[in-house]
Amino acid sequence: MHLLNILFIFSFCYATLADNSCIFEHPINGVINLTSIGLRNGEPRFRDLSTSLSPYYTYSFNPCYSFMEKGCQNAAVCQSM
């Protein structure tokens, strides 16, 4: 379930075409700001999450700030085996 939430957030950030893809202003629901949950220390906020649909892979995600992990550099999302 966590993985689905992370993928939704990533898709939301990616689809937001603005000066800052971490802050989205919805005309009715107001401002959605993801900057407060992203880590700025080069590590992912959500590390090595997996799902029963894809048990061979794990995923790490850090909104708004890039990170380095395993074979991923300057990444927002990292898929690992």
Protein backbone atom coordinates (compact mmCIF):
# COMPACT_ATOMS: atom_id res chain seq x y z
CA MET A 1 0.00 0.00 0.00
CA HIS A 2 2.86 2.38 0.78
CA LEU A 3 4.28 1.78 -2.67
CA LEU A 4 1.02 2.76 -4.33
CA ASN A 5 0.92 5.95 -2.29
CA ILE A 6 4.49 6.78 -3.26
CA LEU A 7 3.85 6.09 -6.94
CA PHE A 8 0.75 8.28 -6.78
CA ILE A 9 2.72 11.13 -5.22
CA PHE A 10 5.50 10.74 -7.77
CA SER A 11 3.00 10.73 -10.64
CA PHE A 12 1.33 13.79 -9.18
CA CYS A 13 4.66 15.62 -8.93
CA TYR A 14 5.65 14.60 -12.44
CA ALA A 15 2.32 15.70 -13.92
CA THR A 16 2.41 19.09 -12.23
CA LEU A 17 3.69 21.52 -14.81
CA ALA A 18 4.79 24.54 -12.80
CA ASP A 19 7.88 26.39 -11.69
CA ASN A 20 8.07 24.14 -8.63
CA SER A 21 6.81 20.58 -9.12
CA CYS A 22 6.65 20.06 -5.34
CA ILE A 23 4.01 22.68 -4.75
CA PHE A 24 0.65 22.44 -6.48
CA GLU A 25 -2.11 24.98 -6.11
CA HIS A 26 -5.53 23.48 -6.73
CA PRO A 27 -8.24 26.05 -7.48
CA ILE A 28 -10.71 24.47 -5.05
CA ASN A 29 -8.69 22.35 -2.58
CA GLY A 30 -5.87 24.82 -1.99
CA VAL A 31 -2.11 24.25 -1.88
CA ILE A 32 -0.45 20.82 -1.74
CA ASN A 33 3.17 21.22 -0.67
CA LEU A 34 5.44 18.15 -0.58
CA THR A 35 8.67 19.96 0.29
CA SER A 36 8.24 19.37 4.02
CA ILE A 37 8.38 15.56 3.69
CA GLY A 38 11.43 15.40 1.41
CA LEU A 39 14.84 14.84 3.00
CA ARG A 40 17.63 17.23 2.03
CA ASN A 41 20.52 15.01 3.17
CA GLY A 42 20.84 12.92 -0.01
CA GLU A 43 18.87 9.96 1.40
CA PRO A 44 15.36 8.79 0.47
CA ARG A 45 12.46 9.54 2.82
CA PHE A 46 10.85 6.19 1.93
CA ARG A 47 13.46 3.42 1.63
CA ASP A 48 13.27 -0.11 0.18
CA LEU A 49 9.51 -0.50 0.00
CA SER A 50 8.10 -3.56 -1.73
CA THR A 51 4.76 -4.98 -2.75
CA SER A 52 3.39 -8.47 -3.14
CA LEU A 53 2.76 -7.70 -6.83
CA SER A 54 6.48 -7.24 -7.39
CA PRO A 55 8.34 -9.13 -4.63
CA TYR A 56 11.69 -9.05 -6.45
CA TYR A 57 11.98 -5.28 -6.49
CA THR A 58 12.16 -2.62 -3.82
CA TYR A 59 11.54 1.08 -4.32
CA SER A 60 12.86 4.16 -2.61
CA PHE A 61 11.42 7.65 -3.04
CA ASN A 62 12.22 11.15 -1.89
CA PRO A 63 9.90 13.95 -2.96
CA CYS A 64 11.42 17.24 -4.16
CA TYR A 65 15.08 16.49 -3.46
CA SER A 66 17.36 14.05 -5.25
CA PHE A 67 19.15 11.21 -3.47
CA MET A 68 21.79 8.56 -4.10
CA GLU A 69 21.20 4.90 -3.29
CA LYS A 70 22.61 1.65 -4.67
CA GLY A 71 22.88 2.19 -8.46
CA CYS A 72 20.80 5.37 -8.51
CA GLN A 73 22.31 8.84 -8.55
CA ASN A 74 20.49 12.17 -8.53
CA ALA A 75 17.23 10.20 -8.30
CA ALA A 76 13.68 10.93 -7.18
CA VAL A 77 12.72 7.21 -7.30
CA CYS A 78 15.00 4.17 -7.29
CA GLN A 79 14.06 0.59 -8.20
CA SER A 80 16.37 -2.15 -6.88
CA MET A 81 16.48 -5.94 -6.82
